[in-house]
Every structure is written in structure tokens, then in C-alpha cells.
Amino acid sequence: MLMKNNQWFFPGLVLGLIVLTGIFLSYWRTNQVLGQPGIKVVALDDEGTLGIGFPDVVLDYQGRFQEVSQGELDALPDDTTINVRMYQARDGFDMQVRAVLMGTDRTSIHQPQFCLVGAGFSIDETNLQSLRVEGGEPYELPIMVLKSRKMVEGTEYTGFYIYWFVADGLATAHHWERMAWMAKGLFTTGKLQRWAYVSCFGIVPPGFSEEATLERIKGFLAHAVPMFQPRPQNLLPVNDLGENALKQPATGQKSVTSQRLEANL
């Protein structure tokens, strides 16, 4: 009799957990509050179509809208905001900047590697780096840099794909960290953080080295980012020496930035 009861214990436990999880998720979908975005959102027309506030001009780069394919739009939840812009310098060097902003459905954002592989690129290297963002309050933005390559009509092209995630007061280059912060915020405050996934992609032009191309892309982003993304509160401003410009609190005390960060979670 005992063995018979044990036989049904674990299946019953699993079924119970599934039911409880479903009830819990249903409750949060009904009662959750959507947070504010961490990037600039603008109205694109009189009908209220939303878009990302990418600048028209950055340094000597001119920006132009790039159409998003219908297939990509169909694959995203209806309340997703997505914008793509191409930026081209006077010497012809260009790059693509993209932002995907989630709504109430977190499936708007996936792991960025899928985009490159889906476009036929193979990823050779993945490196976590920091980007010094210029502007009124310079800061170090964590970015992920993917070095990739693709063969087109017998010619191999190398590209650099840079991405990060940003929400109201938060920024990270790690997909898992974004998911952890979002879960913590939802469970502790009932607020669903509204994350955006921002990326920039550029191909190494003929006659350019890989190092020079990457530095050029990062130089562009250093001036473009503050035009559409305010400094997240979890990233301290830095001075000209690359040091934190805010005085560190005494032992046992919390900085203003830490207090604001905790308020967002």
C-alpha cells in the first residue's frame, strides 16, 4: 500500500506545482503594472504609432529609417515597439541601429544571438566590454560584442554586433541578469519592468582593420546613446580618469544610486 501511494506522490506533486504556477502567473498578468521604458519613446504619426527616439544626425552620420519586414513584425507581440535606422558617414561607412521595446509580453525580447545566426552569420567571438557614453554625465555602459562572419558570393565578410538591455533605471549586457531583475521586480513590487534590447551592427569595410572598425562603431555609439537613452541609475557617472565621479558612501551606508536602484526593483 505504501509503495502504491509513493507511485502517485511525485506525479501529483508535479501536477500541483503546475496548477499553482498557472494560477500565480494568471494573477500577475491581471494585476501587474507596466514600468516605464529606459529609452526615449516618441509618436511617429498622428495615429499614435510609437517609435524609438533615435537621432537624425550623429557626428557626421546621417540617419534614415529602415523598414521592418512583415515577417519580423508578425513574429512579435502586438504591443512591441521596434525601430531600425541606418546611419551612414560621408565616407560611406554605415551601420544599423535597432531597438526592440517590450510591452506587457516579455517574449518581445529574446537572446540576441538568434538574430545573427538567423541572418546567416556565424559567431566567432563573444566579449563583454564597456562603452564610455559621452554627454552631460559620462558613464561606462556594459555592452556585449559579437564578432561574426558570413560568406556571400565567395567573399567572406566580418561584422561586429554590439548589444545591451535597458529598462527604467537599469542596464546590463547579460540576458540572464535582465531576466533575474525582471522576475525580482515582478515578484516584489508587482511591476513588470519594460525592457528594451538595443543593438548596433557594422561590417568591416574593404581596407579597414577589424580593430579600427570596432572602435569606429563604439565611437559612434558613445555620442549616439545619450541622445535616446538617459543614464541608468545603476551605472555611476565617471570622470575623465574613468573613476566614479560620485563620492563613495561610508561603510554601512547606501549611496543615493543604490537607494534609487532598490526602489526600482
Foldseek 3Di string as FASTA:
>chain_A
DVVVVVVCPVVVVVVVVVVVVVVVVVVLLVQFAEAFFQWAWDQPDPVRQIEFPFDQDFDQWGKDWDDDDPVLCVVADPPKHKTKIWIAGPVGFIKIKIKIKDDSDPVSDDPPVCVQVVVAKDWDDKDWDWFFADDPFTFTAIKIWTWIWHADPNDIWIKIKIKWKGFAQDIGHDPVVVVVVQVVLCVPPSYRTIMMMMMMMGIQDPPGDPVVVVVVRSVRCSRRCVSIGPDRLVIAGADPVRHRPDDDDDPPDDDPSRVVVVVND
